[in-house]
């Protein structure tokens, strides 16, 4: 039986705070996707998931690393792979570039490429009940399945 790994997940707002503190973003989208729309942050590298196993060792082990992609699925897989291979400071950004763009965070390119197909839903899709119009400004970290810790509010 394979060893199971647990990956910490955070929302784009919390990711912004980590970026300000020097975290490295690793975007696992393919190069053509990055060419259409990219995260506009100072400390980011692109290692597409299609070649990730051959290049993950280029990611420093001594930095906080936030894995990102379009919707959070591919980056979660890559983050799990890294944790399995001994990386301790790896976090996945839930909801990916879609939520990042919905929140108006900095991007380079045409946000319509991700926003036109994105659902107009709350941050915590599977945990939502009824939400007011300003719900999108609330944190995706505030759901009942995640422990509430000091400073964890996104």
N, C-alpha and C. Protein backbone atom coordinates (compact mmCIF):
# COMPACT_ATOMS: atom_id res chain seq x y z
N UNK A 1 0.85 -1.19 0.00
CA UNK A 1 0.00 0.00 0.00
C UNK A 1 0.89 1.25 0.00
N UNK A 2 0.53 2.20 -0.85
CA UNK A 2 1.33 3.42 -0.94
C UNK A 2 1.12 4.31 0.27
N UNK A 3 2.19 5.01 0.60
CA UNK A 3 2.14 5.99 1.68
C UNK A 3 1.24 7.15 1.26
N UNK A 4 0.30 7.50 2.14
CA UNK A 4 -0.58 8.64 1.84
C UNK A 4 0.06 9.91 2.39
N UNK A 5 -0.10 10.98 1.64
CA UNK A 5 0.44 12.27 2.08
C UNK A 5 -0.71 13.25 2.22
N UNK A 6 -0.53 14.18 3.13
CA UNK A 6 -1.53 15.23 3.32
C UNK A 6 -0.91 16.55 2.90
N UNK A 7 -1.66 17.30 2.12
CA UNK A 7 -1.20 18.58 1.60
C UNK A 7 -2.04 19.69 2.21
N UNK A 8 -1.37 20.70 2.74
CA UNK A 8 -2.06 21.88 3.25
C UNK A 8 -2.58 22.67 2.05
N UNK A 9 -3.82 23.15 2.16
CA UNK A 9 -4.41 23.95 1.09
C UNK A 9 -4.85 25.29 1.64
N UNK A 10 -4.63 26.32 0.85
CA UNK A 10 -5.03 27.67 1.23
C UNK A 10 -5.71 28.34 0.04
N UNK A 11 -6.36 29.45 0.31
CA UNK A 11 -7.04 30.20 -0.74
C UNK A 11 -6.12 31.29 -1.31
N UNK A 12 -6.53 31.91 -2.40
CA UNK A 12 -5.70 32.95 -3.01
C UNK A 12 -5.38 34.12 -2.08
N UNK A 13 -6.28 34.49 -1.19
CA UNK A 13 -6.01 35.61 -0.29
C UNK A 13 -4.85 35.28 0.64
N UNK A 14 -4.86 34.10 1.21
CA UNK A 14 -3.77 33.66 2.08
C UNK A 14 -2.48 33.53 1.27
N UNK A 15 -2.60 33.10 0.02
CA UNK A 15 -1.44 33.00 -0.86
C UNK A 15 -0.79 34.37 -1.04
N UNK A 16 -1.61 35.41 -1.19
CA UNK A 16 -1.09 36.78 -1.32
C UNK A 16 -0.18 37.13 -0.14
N UNK A 17 -0.61 36.77 1.07
CA UNK A 17 0.18 37.07 2.27
C UNK A 17 1.51 36.31 2.23
N UNK A 18 1.47 35.06 1.80
CA UNK A 18 2.71 34.28 1.72
C UNK A 18 3.66 34.85 0.68
N UNK A 19 3.12 35.33 -0.43
CA UNK A 19 3.95 35.95 -1.47
C UNK A 19 4.68 37.15 -0.90
N UNK A 20 3.96 37.96 -0.13
CA UNK A 20 4.58 39.15 0.47
C UNK A 20 5.70 38.77 1.44
N UNK A 21 5.64 37.55 1.96
CA UNK A 21 6.68 37.07 2.87
C UNK A 21 7.72 36.21 2.16
N UNK A 22 7.75 36.25 0.83
CA UNK A 22 8.81 35.60 0.07
C UNK A 22 8.53 34.21 -0.45
N UNK A 23 7.29 33.74 -0.36
CA UNK A 23 6.98 32.40 -0.87
C UNK A 23 7.18 32.35 -2.38
N UNK A 24 7.52 31.17 -2.86
CA UNK A 24 7.69 30.91 -4.28
C UNK A 24 6.43 30.25 -4.81
N UNK A 25 5.87 30.78 -5.90
CA UNK A 25 4.76 30.12 -6.58
C UNK A 25 5.33 29.22 -7.66
N UNK A 26 4.79 28.01 -7.74
CA UNK A 26 5.15 27.10 -8.81
C UNK A 26 3.88 26.80 -9.59
N UNK A 27 3.84 27.28 -10.82
CA UNK A 27 2.68 27.13 -11.70
C UNK A 27 2.89 25.87 -12.53
N UNK A 28 1.99 24.89 -12.40
CA UNK A 28 2.15 23.62 -13.11
C UNK A 28 1.33 23.54 -14.40
N UNK A 29 0.79 24.69 -14.84
CA UNK A 29 0.07 24.70 -16.10
C UNK A 29 1.05 24.60 -17.27
N UNK A 30 0.54 24.19 -18.40
CA UNK A 30 1.36 24.08 -19.60
C UNK A 30 1.72 25.48 -20.11
N UNK A 31 2.81 25.57 -20.87
CA UNK A 31 3.31 26.87 -21.31
C UNK A 31 2.30 27.66 -22.14
N UNK A 32 1.50 26.97 -22.95
CA UNK A 32 0.50 27.69 -23.75
C UNK A 32 -0.57 28.33 -22.86
N UNK A 33 -0.89 27.69 -21.73
CA UNK A 33 -1.85 28.27 -20.78
C UNK A 33 -1.26 29.50 -20.11
N UNK A 34 0.00 29.42 -19.71
CA UNK A 34 0.67 30.54 -19.06
C UNK A 34 0.79 31.72 -20.02
N UNK A 35 1.00 31.43 -21.31
CA UNK A 35 1.10 32.49 -22.31
C UNK A 35 -0.21 33.26 -22.45
N UNK A 36 -1.35 32.58 -22.24
CA UNK A 36 -2.65 33.24 -22.32
C UNK A 36 -2.94 34.10 -21.10
N UNK A 37 -2.65 33.55 -19.92
CA UNK A 37 -2.92 34.26 -18.68
C UNK A 37 -1.98 33.75 -17.61
N UNK A 38 -1.27 34.68 -16.97
CA UNK A 38 -0.27 34.31 -15.97
C UNK A 38 -0.52 35.06 -14.66
N UNK A 39 -0.07 34.46 -13.59
CA UNK A 39 -0.04 35.14 -12.30
C UNK A 39 1.00 36.24 -12.39
N UNK A 40 0.66 37.44 -11.93
CA UNK A 40 1.60 38.55 -11.95
C UNK A 40 2.17 38.74 -10.55
N UNK A 41 3.15 37.90 -10.23
CA UNK A 41 3.81 37.94 -8.93
C UNK A 41 5.31 37.90 -9.15
N UNK A 42 6.08 38.42 -8.20
CA UNK A 42 7.53 38.52 -8.41
C UNK A 42 8.29 37.20 -8.34
N UNK A 43 7.81 36.24 -7.60
CA UNK A 43 8.58 35.03 -7.35
C UNK A 43 7.80 33.81 -7.81
N UNK A 44 7.89 33.50 -9.12
CA UNK A 44 7.11 32.41 -9.69
C UNK A 44 7.94 31.67 -10.73
N UNK A 45 7.77 30.36 -10.78
CA UNK A 45 8.38 29.56 -11.84
C UNK A 45 7.30 28.67 -12.44
N UNK A 46 7.50 28.29 -13.69
CA UNK A 46 6.56 27.42 -14.38
C UNK A 46 7.24 26.09 -14.65
N UNK A 47 6.69 25.03 -14.07
CA UNK A 47 7.11 23.66 -14.38
C UNK A 47 5.84 22.90 -14.71
N UNK A 48 5.54 22.74 -16.00
CA UNK A 48 4.31 22.06 -16.39
C UNK A 48 4.21 20.66 -15.79
N UNK A 49 3.00 20.27 -15.44
CA UNK A 49 2.77 18.96 -14.85
C UNK A 49 3.27 17.84 -15.77
N UNK A 50 3.22 18.08 -17.08
CA UNK A 50 3.64 17.06 -18.04
C UNK A 50 5.13 16.71 -17.94
N UNK A 51 5.92 17.62 -17.35
CA UNK A 51 7.36 17.35 -17.18
C UNK A 51 7.78 17.49 -15.71
N UNK A 52 6.80 17.52 -14.83
CA UNK A 52 7.07 17.82 -13.43
C UNK A 52 8.02 16.82 -12.77
N UNK A 53 7.81 15.54 -13.01
CA UNK A 53 8.65 14.53 -12.36
C UNK A 53 10.12 14.69 -12.74
N UNK A 54 10.41 15.17 -13.92
CA UNK A 54 11.80 15.35 -14.36
C UNK A 54 12.42 16.64 -13.81
N UNK A 55 11.59 17.60 -13.37
CA UNK A 55 12.12 18.93 -13.01
C UNK A 55 11.81 19.40 -11.58
N UNK A 56 11.08 18.61 -10.81
CA UNK A 56 10.69 19.10 -9.48
C UNK A 56 11.88 19.39 -8.57
N UNK A 57 13.02 18.77 -8.82
CA UNK A 57 14.19 19.01 -7.97
C UNK A 57 14.76 20.42 -8.16
N UNK A 58 14.29 21.15 -9.17
CA UNK A 58 14.70 22.53 -9.37
C UNK A 58 14.04 23.46 -8.33
N UNK A 59 13.04 22.96 -7.64
CA UNK A 59 12.32 23.75 -6.64
C UNK A 59 13.10 23.67 -5.33
N UNK A 60 13.43 24.83 -4.75
CA UNK A 60 14.21 24.82 -3.52
C UNK A 60 13.43 24.23 -2.34
N UNK A 61 14.13 23.46 -1.51
CA UNK A 61 13.50 22.86 -0.33
C UNK A 61 13.47 23.83 0.85
N UNK A 62 14.26 24.90 0.79
CA UNK A 62 14.37 25.82 1.92
C UNK A 62 13.42 27.02 1.85
N UNK A 63 12.48 27.01 0.91
CA UNK A 63 11.49 28.10 0.79
C UNK A 63 10.09 27.55 0.96
N UNK A 64 9.19 28.44 1.35
CA UNK A 64 7.78 28.08 1.31
C UNK A 64 7.36 28.10 -0.15
N UNK A 65 6.73 27.01 -0.59
CA UNK A 65 6.34 26.86 -1.98
C UNK A 65 4.83 26.70 -2.05
N UNK A 66 4.19 27.52 -2.89
CA UNK A 66 2.75 27.41 -3.12
C UNK A 66 2.56 26.92 -4.55
N UNK A 67 1.93 25.77 -4.66
CA UNK A 67 1.66 25.17 -5.96
C UNK A 67 0.36 25.76 -6.50
N UNK A 68 0.37 26.15 -7.79
CA UNK A 68 -0.81 26.77 -8.41
C UNK A 68 -1.04 26.21 -9.81
N UNK A 69 -2.29 26.30 -10.25
CA UNK A 69 -2.66 25.93 -11.62
C UNK A 69 -3.94 26.70 -11.96
N UNK A 70 -4.73 26.18 -12.87
CA UNK A 70 -5.96 26.87 -13.28
C UNK A 70 -7.05 26.76 -12.23
N UNK A 71 -7.29 25.54 -11.72
CA UNK A 71 -8.41 25.36 -10.78
C UNK A 71 -8.02 24.70 -9.47
N UNK A 72 -6.77 24.29 -9.32
CA UNK A 72 -6.30 23.70 -8.07
C UNK A 72 -6.10 22.21 -8.08
N UNK A 73 -6.55 21.53 -9.11
CA UNK A 73 -6.44 20.07 -9.18
C UNK A 73 -5.05 19.58 -9.54
N UNK A 74 -4.50 20.11 -10.62
CA UNK A 74 -3.16 19.69 -11.03
C UNK A 74 -2.12 20.09 -9.99
N UNK A 75 -2.27 21.28 -9.43
CA UNK A 75 -1.31 21.73 -8.43
C UNK A 75 -1.39 20.88 -7.17
N UNK A 76 -2.57 20.39 -6.83
CA UNK A 76 -2.71 19.50 -5.68
C UNK A 76 -1.95 18.20 -5.93
N UNK A 77 -2.07 17.66 -7.12
CA UNK A 77 -1.33 16.44 -7.46
C UNK A 77 0.17 16.68 -7.35
N UNK A 78 0.65 17.80 -7.89
CA UNK A 78 2.08 18.12 -7.84
C UNK A 78 2.54 18.34 -6.39
N UNK A 79 1.72 19.00 -5.60
CA UNK A 79 2.07 19.24 -4.19
C UNK A 79 2.18 17.92 -3.44
N UNK A 80 1.24 17.02 -3.67
CA UNK A 80 1.31 15.71 -3.04
C UNK A 80 2.56 14.95 -3.44
N UNK A 81 2.92 15.03 -4.70
CA UNK A 81 4.14 14.41 -5.20
C UNK A 81 5.36 14.96 -4.47
N UNK A 82 5.39 16.29 -4.30
CA UNK A 82 6.53 16.92 -3.62
C UNK A 82 6.61 16.51 -2.15
N UNK A 83 5.48 16.51 -1.47
CA UNK A 83 5.46 16.10 -0.07
C UNK A 83 5.96 14.66 0.05
N UNK A 84 5.50 13.82 -0.84
CA UNK A 84 5.91 12.41 -0.86
C UNK A 84 7.43 12.29 -1.04
N UNK A 85 8.01 13.24 -1.79
CA UNK A 85 9.44 13.23 -2.06
C UNK A 85 10.24 14.12 -1.10
N UNK A 86 9.71 14.40 0.07
CA UNK A 86 10.49 15.04 1.13
C UNK A 86 10.44 16.54 1.25
N UNK A 87 9.57 17.19 0.50
CA UNK A 87 9.44 18.64 0.65
C UNK A 87 8.49 18.93 1.81
N UNK A 88 8.93 19.77 2.74
CA UNK A 88 8.14 20.05 3.95
C UNK A 88 7.29 21.31 3.85
N UNK A 89 7.73 22.28 3.09
CA UNK A 89 7.07 23.60 3.06
C UNK A 89 6.28 23.79 1.77
N UNK A 90 5.44 22.81 1.44
CA UNK A 90 4.66 22.86 0.20
C UNK A 90 3.18 23.01 0.54
N UNK A 91 2.54 23.95 -0.14
CA UNK A 91 1.13 24.26 0.07
C UNK A 91 0.46 24.31 -1.29
N UNK A 92 -0.78 23.90 -1.36
CA UNK A 92 -1.55 24.02 -2.60
C UNK A 92 -2.53 25.18 -2.48
N UNK A 93 -2.66 25.96 -3.56
CA UNK A 93 -3.66 27.02 -3.58
C UNK A 93 -4.95 26.46 -4.19
N UNK A 94 -5.98 26.36 -3.35
CA UNK A 94 -7.29 25.88 -3.80
C UNK A 94 -7.88 26.84 -4.83
N UNK A 95 -8.61 26.27 -5.75
CA UNK A 95 -9.40 27.03 -6.74
C UNK A 95 -8.57 27.75 -7.78
N UNK A 96 -7.25 27.72 -7.67
CA UNK A 96 -6.33 28.18 -8.70
C UNK A 96 -6.55 29.56 -9.26
N UNK A 97 -6.13 29.69 -10.52
CA UNK A 97 -6.17 30.97 -11.22
C UNK A 97 -7.59 31.47 -11.40
N UNK A 98 -8.54 30.55 -11.45
CA UNK A 98 -9.94 30.97 -11.59
C UNK A 98 -10.33 31.86 -10.41
N UNK A 99 -10.11 31.41 -9.20
CA UNK A 99 -10.48 32.21 -8.03
C UNK A 99 -9.58 33.43 -7.88
N UNK A 100 -8.30 33.27 -8.23
CA UNK A 100 -7.35 34.38 -8.19
C UNK A 100 -7.88 35.53 -9.05
N UNK A 101 -8.29 35.21 -10.27
CA UNK A 101 -8.81 36.23 -11.18
C UNK A 101 -10.15 36.77 -10.71
N UNK A 102 -11.02 35.90 -10.17
CA UNK A 102 -12.31 36.35 -9.66
C UNK A 102 -12.13 37.38 -8.55
N UNK A 103 -11.09 37.23 -7.76
CA UNK A 103 -10.83 38.16 -6.66
C UNK A 103 -10.11 39.42 -7.13
N UNK A 104 -9.74 39.47 -8.41
CA UNK A 104 -9.10 40.67 -8.95
C UNK A 104 -7.62 40.77 -8.62
N UNK A 105 -6.99 39.66 -8.26
CA UNK A 105 -5.56 39.68 -7.96
C UNK A 105 -4.78 39.82 -9.26
N UNK A 106 -3.51 40.27 -9.18
CA UNK A 106 -2.76 40.64 -10.39
C UNK A 106 -2.48 39.48 -11.34
N UNK A 107 -2.78 39.74 -12.61
CA UNK A 107 -2.52 38.77 -13.68
C UNK A 107 -1.94 39.50 -14.88
N UNK A 108 -1.36 38.71 -15.77
CA UNK A 108 -0.87 39.23 -17.05
C UNK A 108 -1.60 38.45 -18.12
N UNK A 109 -2.35 39.15 -18.96
CA UNK A 109 -3.09 38.48 -20.02
C UNK A 109 -4.58 38.70 -19.89
N UNK A 110 -5.32 37.89 -20.62
CA UNK A 110 -6.77 38.04 -20.72
C UNK A 110 -7.48 37.15 -19.72
N UNK A 111 -8.05 37.74 -18.67
CA UNK A 111 -8.74 36.96 -17.64
C UNK A 111 -10.00 36.29 -18.17
N UNK A 112 -10.51 36.73 -19.31
CA UNK A 112 -11.71 36.11 -19.87
C UNK A 112 -11.48 34.63 -20.15
N UNK A 113 -10.22 34.25 -20.39
CA UNK A 113 -9.92 32.85 -20.68
C UNK A 113 -10.25 31.93 -19.51
N UNK A 114 -10.23 32.44 -18.29
CA UNK A 114 -10.61 31.61 -17.14
C UNK A 114 -11.95 32.01 -16.56
N UNK A 115 -12.32 33.27 -16.69
CA UNK A 115 -13.55 33.73 -16.05
C UNK A 115 -14.81 33.37 -16.84
N UNK A 116 -14.72 33.25 -18.15
CA UNK A 116 -15.93 33.00 -18.94
C UNK A 116 -16.54 31.63 -18.64
N UNK A 117 -15.73 30.66 -18.24
CA UNK A 117 -16.25 29.34 -17.95
C UNK A 117 -16.33 29.06 -16.44
N UNK A 118 -15.90 30.02 -15.64
CA UNK A 118 -15.91 29.83 -14.19
C UNK A 118 -17.33 29.97 -13.66
N UNK A 119 -17.67 29.14 -12.71
CA UNK A 119 -18.98 29.23 -12.08
C UNK A 119 -19.02 30.47 -11.19
N UNK A 120 -20.14 31.12 -11.18
CA UNK A 120 -20.33 32.25 -10.27
C UNK A 120 -20.83 31.66 -8.96
N UNK A 121 -19.89 31.22 -8.17
CA UNK A 121 -20.25 30.54 -6.93
C UNK A 121 -19.42 31.07 -5.78
N UNK A 122 -19.76 30.62 -4.62
CA UNK A 122 -19.04 31.07 -3.44
C UNK A 122 -17.67 30.41 -3.38
N UNK A 123 -16.85 30.92 -2.52
CA UNK A 123 -15.49 30.44 -2.35
C UNK A 123 -15.45 28.99 -1.91
N UNK A 124 -16.37 28.57 -1.12
CA UNK A 124 -16.35 27.21 -0.57
C UNK A 124 -17.49 26.41 -1.20
N UNK A 125 -17.41 26.22 -2.50
CA UNK A 125 -18.49 25.62 -3.27
C UNK A 125 -19.22 24.49 -2.57
N UNK A 126 -18.52 23.45 -2.19
CA UNK A 126 -19.18 22.27 -1.65
C UNK A 126 -19.73 22.47 -0.25
N UNK A 127 -19.35 23.56 0.38
CA UNK A 127 -19.81 23.81 1.75
C UNK A 127 -20.79 24.97 1.82
N UNK A 128 -21.19 25.48 0.66
CA UNK A 128 -22.03 26.66 0.67
C UNK A 128 -23.49 26.31 0.93
N UNK A 129 -24.17 27.24 1.52
CA UNK A 129 -25.60 27.11 1.77
C UNK A 129 -26.26 28.25 1.02
N UNK A 130 -26.66 29.31 1.68
CA UNK A 130 -27.15 30.47 0.95
C UNK A 130 -26.14 31.59 1.17
N UNK A 131 -25.88 32.33 0.11
CA UNK A 131 -24.82 33.34 0.17
C UNK A 131 -25.32 34.67 -0.36
N UNK A 132 -24.91 35.72 0.31
CA UNK A 132 -25.23 37.07 -0.13
C UNK A 132 -24.33 37.45 -1.29
N UNK A 133 -24.64 38.55 -1.95
CA UNK A 133 -23.89 38.99 -3.11
C UNK A 133 -22.42 39.25 -2.79
N UNK A 134 -22.11 39.64 -1.56
CA UNK A 134 -20.73 39.94 -1.21
C UNK A 134 -19.98 38.71 -0.71
N UNK A 135 -20.54 37.54 -0.85
CA UNK A 135 -19.91 36.31 -0.36
C UNK A 135 -18.55 36.05 -1.01
N UNK A 136 -18.37 36.46 -2.27
CA UNK A 136 -17.11 36.20 -2.96
C UNK A 136 -15.93 36.89 -2.29
N UNK A 137 -16.19 37.89 -1.48
CA UNK A 137 -15.11 38.59 -0.80
C UNK A 137 -14.70 37.87 0.48
N UNK A 138 -15.49 36.90 0.92
CA UNK A 138 -15.16 36.15 2.12
C UNK A 138 -14.09 35.13 1.82
N UNK A 139 -13.54 34.57 2.85
CA UNK A 139 -12.45 33.65 2.72
C UNK A 139 -12.89 32.25 2.33
N UNK A 140 -12.10 31.61 1.49
CA UNK A 140 -12.36 30.21 1.19
C UNK A 140 -11.73 29.32 2.25
N UNK A 141 -11.04 29.89 3.19
CA UNK A 141 -10.45 29.10 4.26
C UNK A 141 -11.41 28.92 5.42
N UNK A 142 -12.51 29.65 5.39
CA UNK A 142 -13.45 29.60 6.50
C UNK A 142 -14.53 28.56 6.26
N UNK A 143 -14.15 27.29 6.19
CA UNK A 143 -15.19 26.29 6.09
C UNK A 143 -15.12 25.37 7.29
N UNK A 144 -16.18 24.65 7.50
CA UNK A 144 -16.30 23.87 8.71
C UNK A 144 -15.39 22.66 8.75
N UNK A 145 -14.84 22.23 7.62
CA UNK A 145 -13.98 21.06 7.59
C UNK A 145 -12.53 21.38 7.92
N UNK A 146 -12.18 22.65 8.00
CA UNK A 146 -10.81 23.03 8.26
C UNK A 146 -10.71 23.66 9.63
N UNK A 147 -9.65 23.33 10.37
CA UNK A 147 -9.50 23.91 11.69
C UNK A 147 -9.25 25.41 11.59
N UNK A 148 -9.81 26.13 12.49
CA UNK A 148 -9.60 27.57 12.53
C UNK A 148 -8.39 27.83 13.43
N UNK A 149 -7.39 28.48 12.86
CA UNK A 149 -6.19 28.78 13.62
C UNK A 149 -5.93 30.26 13.55
N UNK A 150 -5.17 30.76 14.50
CA UNK A 150 -4.83 32.17 14.55
C UNK A 150 -4.15 32.57 13.24
N UNK A 151 -4.67 33.62 12.60
CA UNK A 151 -4.08 34.13 11.38
C UNK A 151 -4.41 33.33 10.14
N UNK A 152 -5.32 32.37 10.23
CA UNK A 152 -5.60 31.54 9.06
C UNK A 152 -6.68 32.13 8.17
N UNK A 153 -7.35 33.15 8.61
CA UNK A 153 -8.42 33.73 7.80
C UNK A 153 -7.84 34.37 6.56
N UNK A 154 -8.39 34.02 5.45
CA UNK A 154 -7.88 34.55 4.18
C UNK A 154 -8.57 35.85 3.83
